[in-house]
N, C-alpha and C. Protein backbone atom coordinates (compact mmCIF):
# COMPACT_ATOMS: atom_id res chain seq x y z
N MET A 1 0.68 -1.54 0.02
CA MET A 1 0.12 0.14 0.06
C MET A 1 0.58 1.12 0.32
N SER A 2 0.50 2.02 -1.13
CA SER A 2 0.99 3.20 -0.82
C SER A 2 0.01 4.42 -0.67
N THR A 3 1.03 5.84 -0.01
CA THR A 3 -0.02 7.03 0.22
C THR A 3 0.27 8.02 -1.13
N PRO A 4 -1.35 8.59 -1.17
CA PRO A 4 -0.78 9.81 -1.82
C PRO A 4 -0.05 10.93 -1.64
N PRO A 5 0.26 11.90 -2.76
CA PRO A 5 1.29 12.92 -2.22
C PRO A 5 0.48 13.75 -0.84
N PRO A 6 1.49 14.17 -0.09
CA PRO A 6 0.90 14.75 1.33
C PRO A 6 -0.35 15.95 0.77
N LEU A 7 0.02 16.55 -0.46
CA LEU A 7 -0.89 17.59 -0.90
C LEU A 7 -2.27 17.02 -1.62
N TYR A 8 -2.16 16.08 -2.32
CA TYR A 8 -3.35 15.27 -2.66
C TYR A 8 -4.02 15.17 -1.70
N ALA A 9 -3.60 14.13 -0.46
CA ALA A 9 -4.65 13.52 0.44
C ALA A 9 -5.07 14.93 1.25
N SER A 10 -4.01 15.74 1.42
CA SER A 10 -4.67 17.00 2.22
C SER A 10 -5.78 17.45 1.67
N LEU A 11 -5.68 17.85 0.33
CA LEU A 11 -6.84 18.39 -0.30
C LEU A 11 -8.00 17.26 -0.16
N SER A 12 -7.67 15.97 0.10
CA SER A 12 -9.16 15.15 -0.45
C SER A 12 -9.44 15.20 0.74
N VAL A 13 -8.93 15.12 2.29
CA VAL A 13 -9.34 15.14 3.72
C VAL A 13 -10.26 16.95 3.42
N ALA A 14 -9.53 17.44 3.21
CA ALA A 14 -10.57 18.86 2.94
C ALA A 14 -11.37 19.03 2.06
N LEU A 15 -11.69 18.86 1.14
CA LEU A 15 -13.04 18.35 0.32
C LEU A 15 -14.14 17.39 1.21
N GLY A 16 -13.58 16.29 1.61
CA GLY A 16 -14.57 15.32 2.16
C GLY A 16 -14.86 16.25 3.45
N GLY A 17 -13.90 16.98 4.08
CA GLY A 17 -14.52 17.48 5.64
C GLY A 17 -15.51 19.06 5.26
N GLY A 18 -15.14 19.06 3.85
CA GLY A 18 -16.79 20.63 3.15
C GLY A 18 -17.80 19.50 3.61
N ILE A 19 -17.54 18.93 2.58
CA ILE A 19 -19.09 18.21 2.11
C ILE A 19 -19.70 17.87 3.88
N GLY A 20 -18.85 17.01 4.24
CA GLY A 20 -19.28 16.59 5.61
C GLY A 20 -20.06 17.96 6.49
N ALA A 21 -19.53 18.77 6.20
CA ALA A 21 -19.84 19.71 7.56
C ALA A 21 -21.15 20.35 6.73
N LEU A 22 -20.97 20.57 5.59
CA LEU A 22 -21.88 21.07 4.95
C LEU A 22 -23.39 19.94 5.19
N LEU A 23 -23.35 18.56 5.01
CA LEU A 23 -24.47 17.94 5.27
C LEU A 23 -24.78 17.97 6.35
N ARG A 24 -23.77 18.18 7.76
CA ARG A 24 -23.93 18.16 9.07
C ARG A 24 -25.16 19.25 9.13
N TYR A 25 -24.96 20.41 8.62
CA TYR A 25 -25.55 22.05 8.78
C TYR A 25 -26.86 21.50 8.13
N GLN A 26 -27.03 20.62 7.00
CA GLN A 26 -28.11 21.14 6.46
C GLN A 26 -28.94 19.77 7.20
N LEU A 27 -28.19 19.09 7.93
CA LEU A 27 -29.36 17.32 8.73
C LEU A 27 -29.94 18.81 9.94
N GLY A 28 -29.20 19.61 10.45
CA GLY A 28 -29.97 20.02 11.85
C GLY A 28 -30.83 20.98 11.06
N ARG A 29 -30.84 21.87 10.11
CA ARG A 29 -31.56 22.59 9.32
C ARG A 29 -33.06 21.64 9.40
N ALA A 30 -32.78 20.38 8.58
CA ALA A 30 -33.88 19.81 8.16
C ALA A 30 -34.95 19.30 9.69
N LEU A 31 -33.92 18.61 10.47
CA LEU A 31 -34.48 18.11 12.19
C LEU A 31 -35.36 19.37 12.14
N THR A 32 -34.81 20.39 12.46
CA THR A 32 -35.57 22.26 12.80
C THR A 32 -36.81 22.23 12.53
N HIS A 33 -36.80 22.18 11.04
CA HIS A 33 -37.75 22.24 10.06
C HIS A 33 -38.80 21.37 10.78
N LEU A 34 -38.64 20.23 10.53
CA LEU A 34 -39.59 19.06 10.69
C LEU A 34 -39.74 18.85 12.47
N ALA A 35 -39.16 19.07 13.09
CA ALA A 35 -39.76 18.97 14.79
C ALA A 35 -39.76 19.67 15.55
N GLY A 36 -39.64 21.64 14.33
CA GLY A 36 -39.92 22.55 15.17
C GLY A 36 -38.60 23.33 15.96
N PRO A 37 -38.40 24.50 16.47
CA PRO A 37 -37.28 24.63 17.25
C PRO A 37 -37.61 24.64 18.69
N GLN A 38 -38.80 24.63 19.20
CA GLN A 38 -38.84 24.06 20.51
C GLN A 38 -38.54 22.98 20.79
N THR A 39 -38.05 21.72 19.89
CA THR A 39 -38.04 20.66 20.05
C THR A 39 -36.86 20.41 20.10
N MET A 40 -36.08 21.13 19.03
CA MET A 40 -34.67 20.98 18.96
C MET A 40 -33.89 21.95 19.95
N LEU A 41 -34.64 22.82 20.85
CA LEU A 41 -33.86 23.44 21.81
C LEU A 41 -33.91 22.89 22.77
N GLY A 42 -34.78 21.80 22.93
CA GLY A 42 -35.02 20.49 24.20
C GLY A 42 -33.79 19.74 24.28
N PHE A 43 -33.73 19.43 23.31
CA PHE A 43 -32.49 17.84 23.07
C PHE A 43 -31.65 18.13 22.19
N PRO A 44 -30.55 17.66 22.07
CA PRO A 44 -29.70 18.07 20.67
C PRO A 44 -29.78 16.68 20.20
N TRP A 45 -31.17 16.98 19.25
CA TRP A 45 -31.51 15.73 18.38
C TRP A 45 -30.80 15.95 17.22
N ALA A 46 -30.06 16.96 16.58
CA ALA A 46 -29.16 17.00 15.39
C ALA A 46 -27.79 16.27 15.50
N THR A 47 -27.56 17.12 16.68
CA THR A 47 -25.54 16.21 17.56
C THR A 47 -26.08 14.52 17.20
N LEU A 48 -27.23 14.25 18.15
CA LEU A 48 -27.50 12.90 18.18
C LEU A 48 -27.37 11.61 16.67
N ALA A 49 -28.55 12.55 15.83
CA ALA A 49 -28.66 12.36 14.49
C ALA A 49 -27.24 12.02 13.68
N ALA A 50 -26.60 12.94 13.74
CA ALA A 50 -25.43 13.15 12.79
C ALA A 50 -24.36 11.96 13.84
N ASN A 51 -24.00 12.07 15.07
CA ASN A 51 -23.33 10.66 15.24
C ASN A 51 -23.58 9.33 15.29
N VAL A 52 -25.10 9.06 15.16
CA VAL A 52 -25.34 7.71 14.94
C VAL A 52 -25.36 7.33 13.43
N ILE A 53 -25.73 8.26 12.49
CA ILE A 53 -25.71 8.33 11.07
C ILE A 53 -24.04 8.05 10.69
N GLY A 54 -22.94 8.92 11.30
CA GLY A 54 -21.91 9.32 10.82
C GLY A 54 -21.38 7.28 11.65
N SER A 55 -21.49 7.16 12.71
CA SER A 55 -20.93 5.67 12.85
C SER A 55 -21.88 4.81 12.28
N LEU A 56 -22.59 4.58 11.90
CA LEU A 56 -23.28 3.95 11.29
C LEU A 56 -22.44 3.85 9.36
N ALA A 57 -22.51 5.00 8.98
CA ALA A 57 -21.13 5.01 7.98
C ALA A 57 -19.96 4.67 7.86
N MET A 58 -19.36 4.83 9.18
CA MET A 58 -17.71 4.55 9.35
C MET A 58 -17.94 3.01 9.59
N GLY A 59 -19.06 2.26 9.76
CA GLY A 59 -19.10 1.30 10.26
C GLY A 59 -19.47 0.36 8.42
N VAL A 60 -19.44 1.12 7.60
CA VAL A 60 -20.07 0.36 6.38
C VAL A 60 -18.34 1.11 5.72
N LEU A 61 -18.22 1.41 6.19
CA LEU A 61 -17.07 2.65 5.36
C LEU A 61 -15.46 1.12 6.00
N ALA A 62 -15.23 1.13 7.22
CA ALA A 62 -14.26 -0.08 7.76
C ALA A 62 -14.81 -1.28 6.75
N GLY A 63 -15.95 -1.61 7.27
CA GLY A 63 -16.05 -2.69 6.71
C GLY A 63 -15.67 -3.40 4.86
N TRP A 64 -15.62 -2.28 4.06
CA TRP A 64 -14.82 -2.29 3.18
C TRP A 64 -14.07 -2.12 2.78
N LEU A 65 -13.27 -1.02 3.54
CA LEU A 65 -11.79 -1.31 3.79
C LEU A 65 -11.34 -2.65 4.16
N ALA A 66 -11.78 -3.32 5.27
CA ALA A 66 -11.30 -4.36 5.84
C ALA A 66 -11.72 -5.95 4.96
N ARG A 67 -12.66 -5.46 3.71
CA ARG A 67 -13.10 -6.59 2.63
C ARG A 67 -11.73 -6.14 1.66
N HIS A 68 -11.82 -5.01 0.94
CA HIS A 68 -11.54 -4.88 0.02
C HIS A 68 -9.97 -4.22 0.39
N GLY A 69 -9.54 -3.78 1.28
CA GLY A 69 -8.20 -3.43 1.42
C GLY A 69 -8.25 -1.83 1.45
N PRO A 70 -7.22 -1.21 1.65
CA PRO A 70 -6.69 0.31 1.35
C PRO A 70 -5.54 0.34 -0.17
N ASP A 71 -5.63 -0.12 -0.60
CA ASP A 71 -4.96 -0.51 -1.53
C ASP A 71 -4.83 0.46 -2.62
N LEU A 72 -4.36 1.50 -2.73
CA LEU A 72 -4.23 2.77 -3.54
C LEU A 72 -4.72 2.30 -4.61
N ARG A 73 -4.42 1.20 -5.67
CA ARG A 73 -5.02 0.95 -6.85
C ARG A 73 -6.39 0.58 -7.37
N ASP A 74 -6.95 -0.06 -5.98
CA ASP A 74 -8.32 0.05 -5.52
C ASP A 74 -8.92 1.98 -5.40
N GLY A 75 -7.95 2.66 -5.20
CA GLY A 75 -8.65 3.32 -4.33
C GLY A 75 -8.97 3.63 -2.93
N GLY A 76 -8.66 2.55 -2.24
CA GLY A 76 -9.31 2.79 -0.67
C GLY A 76 -8.51 3.54 0.16
N GLU A 77 -7.21 4.34 -0.10
CA GLU A 77 -7.03 4.89 0.66
C GLU A 77 -6.85 6.23 0.39
N GLN A 78 -7.34 6.51 -0.73
CA GLN A 78 -8.45 7.95 -1.38
C GLN A 78 -9.72 7.92 -0.79
N VAL A 79 -10.43 6.80 -0.39
CA VAL A 79 -11.47 6.49 0.17
C VAL A 79 -11.65 7.13 1.35
N ARG A 80 -10.73 5.97 2.49
CA ARG A 80 -10.14 6.17 3.21
C ARG A 80 -10.19 8.16 3.58
N LEU A 81 -9.53 8.45 3.47
CA LEU A 81 -9.19 9.86 3.20
C LEU A 81 -9.97 10.52 3.50
N MET A 82 -10.69 10.77 2.09
CA MET A 82 -11.56 11.68 1.79
C MET A 82 -13.05 11.25 2.58
N VAL A 83 -13.10 10.12 2.78
CA VAL A 83 -14.81 9.95 3.27
C VAL A 83 -14.19 9.39 4.75
N GLY A 84 -13.33 8.73 5.51
CA GLY A 84 -13.50 8.36 6.63
C GLY A 84 -12.69 9.67 7.61
N VAL A 85 -11.97 10.20 6.96
CA VAL A 85 -11.03 11.19 7.99
C VAL A 85 -12.15 12.65 7.19
N GLY A 86 -12.16 12.95 6.27
CA GLY A 86 -12.74 14.21 5.56
C GLY A 86 -14.06 14.33 5.82
N LEU A 87 -15.36 13.29 5.18
CA LEU A 87 -16.10 13.66 5.64
C LEU A 87 -17.29 13.54 7.06
N LEU A 88 -16.98 11.92 6.98
CA LEU A 88 -17.14 11.67 8.23
C LEU A 88 -17.02 12.30 9.53
N GLY A 89 -15.68 13.03 9.22
CA GLY A 89 -14.74 14.10 10.44
C GLY A 89 -15.79 15.13 10.30
N GLY A 90 -16.00 15.55 9.01
CA GLY A 90 -16.50 17.13 9.02
C GLY A 90 -18.63 16.81 9.52
N PHE A 91 -18.74 15.40 9.34
CA PHE A 91 -20.24 15.42 9.67
C PHE A 91 -20.62 14.91 10.75
N THR A 92 -19.83 13.86 11.41
CA THR A 92 -19.63 13.82 12.88
C THR A 92 -19.67 14.70 13.81
N THR A 93 -19.94 14.80 15.19
CA THR A 93 -20.01 15.80 16.06
C THR A 93 -19.66 15.91 17.30
N PHE A 94 -18.59 15.03 17.65
CA PHE A 94 -18.20 14.47 19.20
C PHE A 94 -17.94 15.96 19.77
N SER A 95 -17.45 16.77 19.05
CA SER A 95 -17.13 18.24 19.89
C SER A 95 -18.32 18.79 20.74
N SER A 96 -19.70 18.81 19.39
CA SER A 96 -20.78 19.69 19.90
C SER A 96 -20.87 18.63 20.84
N PHE A 97 -20.98 17.10 21.16
CA PHE A 97 -21.78 16.09 21.42
C PHE A 97 -21.00 16.82 23.09
N SER A 98 -19.75 16.91 23.16
CA SER A 98 -19.27 17.11 24.82
C SER A 98 -19.58 18.59 25.05
N LEU A 99 -19.71 19.52 24.27
CA LEU A 99 -20.29 20.83 24.62
C LEU A 99 -21.86 20.70 25.19
N GLU A 100 -22.50 20.04 24.60
CA GLU A 100 -24.14 19.73 24.87
C GLU A 100 -24.23 19.12 25.80
N MET A 101 -23.13 18.42 26.10
CA MET A 101 -23.42 17.45 27.57
C MET A 101 -23.27 18.59 28.85
N MET A 102 -22.23 19.40 28.83
CA MET A 102 -21.55 20.37 29.40
C MET A 102 -22.69 21.37 29.98
N LEU A 103 -23.35 21.63 29.04
CA LEU A 103 -24.55 22.84 28.60
C LEU A 103 -25.60 22.13 29.42
N LEU A 104 -26.38 20.55 29.35
CA LEU A 104 -26.98 20.26 29.99
C LEU A 104 -26.75 20.04 31.25
N MET A 105 -25.65 19.34 31.90
CA MET A 105 -25.00 19.62 33.07
C MET A 105 -24.96 20.55 33.91
N ASP A 106 -24.64 22.12 33.04
CA ASP A 106 -24.54 23.07 33.37
C ASP A 106 -26.23 23.69 34.06
N ARG A 107 -26.82 23.15 33.35
CA ARG A 107 -28.36 24.08 33.83
C ARG A 107 -29.31 23.09 34.39
N GLY A 108 -28.53 22.00 34.94
CA GLY A 108 -28.79 21.08 35.80
C GLY A 108 -29.54 20.16 35.81
N ASP A 109 -29.97 19.38 34.68
CA ASP A 109 -30.56 18.81 33.73
C ASP A 109 -29.91 17.34 33.84
N ASN A 110 -29.19 16.73 34.64
CA ASN A 110 -28.37 15.61 34.75
C ASN A 110 -28.87 14.38 34.61
N ALA A 111 -30.25 14.11 34.61
CA ALA A 111 -30.96 12.82 34.06
C ALA A 111 -30.40 13.20 32.70
N LEU A 112 -31.35 14.32 31.82
CA LEU A 112 -30.97 14.26 30.94
C LEU A 112 -29.97 14.20 29.83
N ALA A 113 -29.06 14.80 30.72
CA ALA A 113 -27.50 14.60 30.19
C ALA A 113 -26.80 12.70 30.01
N PHE A 114 -27.48 12.62 31.25
CA PHE A 114 -27.26 11.10 31.34
C PHE A 114 -28.08 10.49 30.12
N VAL A 115 -29.10 10.37 29.88
CA VAL A 115 -29.28 9.90 28.92
C VAL A 115 -29.26 9.89 27.48
N TYR A 116 -28.55 11.36 27.41
CA TYR A 116 -28.00 11.87 25.86
C TYR A 116 -26.67 11.14 25.66
N GLY A 117 -26.19 11.28 26.73
CA GLY A 117 -24.62 10.56 26.61
C GLY A 117 -25.28 8.96 26.25
N SER A 118 -25.69 8.59 27.30
CA SER A 118 -25.89 7.43 27.21
C SER A 118 -26.08 6.52 25.66
N VAL A 119 -27.01 7.30 25.51
CA VAL A 119 -27.80 7.06 23.81
C VAL A 119 -26.84 7.14 22.85
N SER A 120 -26.09 7.89 22.96
CA SER A 120 -25.12 8.77 21.93
C SER A 120 -24.28 7.51 21.93
N ILE A 121 -23.63 6.84 22.94
CA ILE A 121 -22.64 6.01 22.86
C ILE A 121 -23.62 4.82 22.49
N MET A 122 -24.08 4.68 23.20
CA MET A 122 -24.83 2.75 22.67
C MET A 122 -25.40 3.00 21.19
N ALA A 123 -26.16 3.52 21.23
CA ALA A 123 -26.60 4.17 19.17
C ALA A 123 -25.29 4.15 18.75
N GLY A 124 -24.05 4.75 18.91
CA GLY A 124 -23.25 4.89 18.14
C GLY A 124 -22.59 3.74 17.52
N LEU A 125 -22.40 2.67 18.48
CA LEU A 125 -21.47 1.79 18.29
C LEU A 125 -22.36 0.45 17.81
N ALA A 126 -23.79 0.52 18.36
CA ALA A 126 -24.68 -0.18 17.75
C ALA A 126 -24.68 0.06 15.63
N GLY A 127 -24.73 1.51 15.53
CA GLY A 127 -24.81 1.88 14.51
C GLY A 127 -23.59 1.10 13.99
N LEU A 128 -22.29 1.68 14.29
CA LEU A 128 -21.27 1.06 13.60
C LEU A 128 -20.90 -0.55 13.52
N TYR A 129 -21.68 -1.25 14.31
CA TYR A 129 -21.76 -2.80 14.03
C TYR A 129 -22.61 -3.12 12.79
N ILE A 130 -23.49 -2.51 13.19
CA ILE A 130 -24.66 -2.62 12.16
C ILE A 130 -23.94 -2.33 10.81
N GLY A 131 -23.39 -1.35 11.06
CA GLY A 131 -22.50 -1.25 9.55
C GLY A 131 -21.69 -2.36 8.87
N LEU A 132 -21.04 -2.57 10.04
CA LEU A 132 -19.45 -4.03 9.63
C LEU A 132 -20.25 -5.12 9.52
N ILE A 133 -22.11 -5.42 9.90
CA ILE A 133 -22.64 -6.83 9.84
C ILE A 133 -22.59 -6.63 8.23
N VAL A 134 -23.47 -5.19 8.10
CA VAL A 134 -24.19 -4.92 6.43
C VAL A 134 -23.08 -5.45 5.50
N MET A 135 -22.57 -5.03 5.86
CA MET A 135 -20.89 -5.12 4.60
C MET A 135 -20.14 -6.54 4.88
N ARG A 136 -20.47 -6.95 6.15
CA ARG A 136 -19.55 -8.81 5.95
C ARG A 136 -21.18 -9.33 5.07
N LEU A 137 -22.34 -9.14 5.14
CA LEU A 137 -23.21 -10.05 4.56
C LEU A 137 -23.71 -9.31 3.29
N PHE A 138 -23.12 -7.97 2.70
CA PHE A 138 -23.55 -8.00 1.21
C PHE A 138 -22.53 -7.17 0.53
N GLY A 139 -20.97 -6.90 1.60
CA GLY A 139 -20.06 -6.37 0.83
C GLY A 139 -19.75 -7.37 -0.20
């Protein structure tokens, strides 16, 4: 396996990251439109959705790379950089997760913070696992 030149790799990550960030923003807008601003202010639904969707997508990507290998001639390394590091890195929102956990605790919603943290972690792990299983079955 060889890696692409650093500039090309960096541009791939940047392009993927820009697309991922845009998708994350649009997900938040869509959920706010569908559920309403009051619902979205009460619980960080968009961040939860992004983390679960991103974990599922990362599971599919990891399964694909495990099956096909990151060999450059098949484009695996470029896919890993653009999609795994860039797009999913820009789309998932663990830093927002951490901030929102602290905000929930700061306002005294410790039970809600516990539920949010527990569901985020467990659903994210489940999404990753399901993505791997999907790739093992259908990849």
